[in-house]
Amino acid sequence: MSEIINLQATFIPNEGEFFRVKLALDIAIEQVVEETGCIQYEITEESEEKIVLTEQWASEEDLTKHSKGIAVQDLNESLSALLVKPVELVRT
C-alpha cells in the first residue's frame, strides 16, 4: 500500500493580483479534483498577501502524473506574471 502524500503550495500574488490568482486556482481546482489519486486539492488559507493550497495524493505515482498534467501546465502559464516569486511547495 502506498503512503499518502501531503503537500502545501503557497502563492504570493503581486500587488493587486489576488483575484486573478484566486480565479486561476479555482479553475485548476475544478480540474484537479477529478484526477486519479486526488484526495484533497483545496485552498485552506487566503488573504491579499498569500494563498495556501493544501494537496493530498494517494501515491507518489498519482502526484507525478498530476505534476505533468495539463491542469498544472495551464495553471503555471496563467500565474507566470501574477506572482511575486515561484510557488513554494512543501511536503507536510
Protein backbone atom coordinates (compact mmCIF):
# COMPACT_ATOMS: atom_id res chain seq x y z
CA MET A 1 0.00 0.00 0.00
CA SER A 2 1.28 3.47 -0.92
CA GLU A 3 1.84 6.19 1.63
CA ILE A 4 -0.40 9.23 1.22
CA ILE A 5 1.45 12.35 0.05
CA ASN A 6 0.58 15.66 1.76
CA LEU A 7 1.64 18.99 0.29
CA GLN A 8 1.10 22.69 0.79
CA ALA A 9 1.59 25.13 -2.06
CA THR A 10 1.95 28.81 -1.16
CA PHE A 11 1.18 31.50 -3.73
CA ILE A 12 2.22 35.13 -3.12
CA PRO A 13 0.27 37.36 -5.56
CA ASN A 14 1.75 40.55 -6.97
CA GLU A 15 0.09 43.64 -5.53
CA GLY A 16 -3.42 43.94 -6.94
CA GLU A 17 -3.42 40.44 -8.48
CA PHE A 18 -5.10 38.46 -5.68
CA PHE A 19 -8.38 37.96 -7.54
CA ARG A 20 -6.69 36.85 -10.77
CA VAL A 21 -4.54 34.34 -8.86
CA LYS A 22 -7.59 33.07 -6.94
CA LEU A 23 -9.57 32.67 -10.19
CA ALA A 24 -6.73 30.71 -11.82
CA LEU A 25 -6.56 28.44 -8.77
CA ASP A 26 -10.34 27.94 -8.69
CA ILE A 27 -10.28 26.83 -12.34
CA ALA A 28 -7.39 24.42 -11.68
CA ILE A 29 -9.09 23.00 -8.58
CA GLU A 30 -12.19 22.07 -10.60
CA GLN A 31 -9.99 20.05 -12.97
CA VAL A 32 -7.56 18.54 -10.46
CA VAL A 33 -10.15 17.13 -8.04
CA GLU A 34 -11.21 14.81 -10.89
CA GLU A 35 -7.68 13.41 -11.33
CA THR A 36 -6.90 9.84 -10.30
CA GLY A 37 -5.49 9.70 -6.78
CA CYS A 38 -6.51 13.21 -5.74
CA ILE A 39 -7.80 13.04 -2.17
CA GLN A 40 -7.68 16.77 -1.40
CA TYR A 41 -6.89 19.83 -3.50
CA GLU A 42 -8.30 22.97 -1.95
CA ILE A 43 -7.49 26.45 -0.75
CA THR A 44 -7.14 26.31 3.02
CA GLU A 45 -5.89 29.83 3.69
CA GLU A 46 -6.25 33.04 1.74
CA SER A 47 -5.58 36.73 2.10
CA GLU A 48 -4.49 39.51 -0.25
CA GLU A 49 -0.88 38.61 0.62
CA LYS A 50 -0.93 34.80 0.46
CA ILE A 51 -2.97 31.85 -0.78
CA VAL A 52 -2.26 28.36 0.56
CA LEU A 53 -3.42 25.31 -1.37
CA THR A 54 -3.44 22.00 0.51
CA GLU A 55 -2.99 18.84 -1.53
CA GLN A 56 -3.27 15.17 -0.66
CA TRP A 57 -2.45 12.38 -3.10
CA ALA A 58 -2.99 8.64 -2.81
CA SER A 59 0.50 7.80 -4.11
CA GLU A 60 3.75 9.21 -5.44
CA GLU A 61 2.73 7.93 -8.89
CA ASP A 62 -0.53 9.92 -8.79
CA LEU A 63 1.34 13.06 -7.73
CA THR A 64 3.86 12.61 -10.56
CA LYS A 65 1.05 12.26 -13.12
CA HIS A 66 -0.62 15.36 -11.68
CA SER A 67 2.57 17.44 -11.82
CA LYS A 68 3.00 16.63 -15.52
CA GLY A 69 -0.70 17.09 -16.34
CA ILE A 70 -2.45 19.75 -18.37
CA ALA A 71 -4.14 21.37 -15.35
CA VAL A 72 -0.77 22.17 -13.75
CA GLN A 73 0.68 23.36 -17.06
CA ASP A 74 -2.31 25.67 -17.61
CA LEU A 75 -2.12 26.95 -14.02
CA ASN A 76 1.61 27.69 -14.27
CA GLU A 77 1.04 29.56 -17.52
CA SER A 78 -1.85 31.56 -16.01
CA LEU A 79 0.20 32.52 -12.96
CA SER A 80 3.52 33.24 -14.70
CA ALA A 81 3.23 37.05 -14.41
CA LEU A 82 0.93 37.24 -11.37
CA LEU A 83 3.19 36.03 -8.54
CA VAL A 84 5.90 37.78 -6.53
CA LYS A 85 8.00 34.60 -6.58
CA PRO A 86 7.63 31.00 -7.75
CA VAL A 87 5.15 28.80 -5.89
CA GLU A 88 6.60 27.35 -2.70
CA LEU A 89 5.73 23.65 -2.48
CA VAL A 90 6.35 21.84 0.82
CA ARG A 91 5.64 18.28 1.85
CA THR A 92 3.86 18.24 5.18
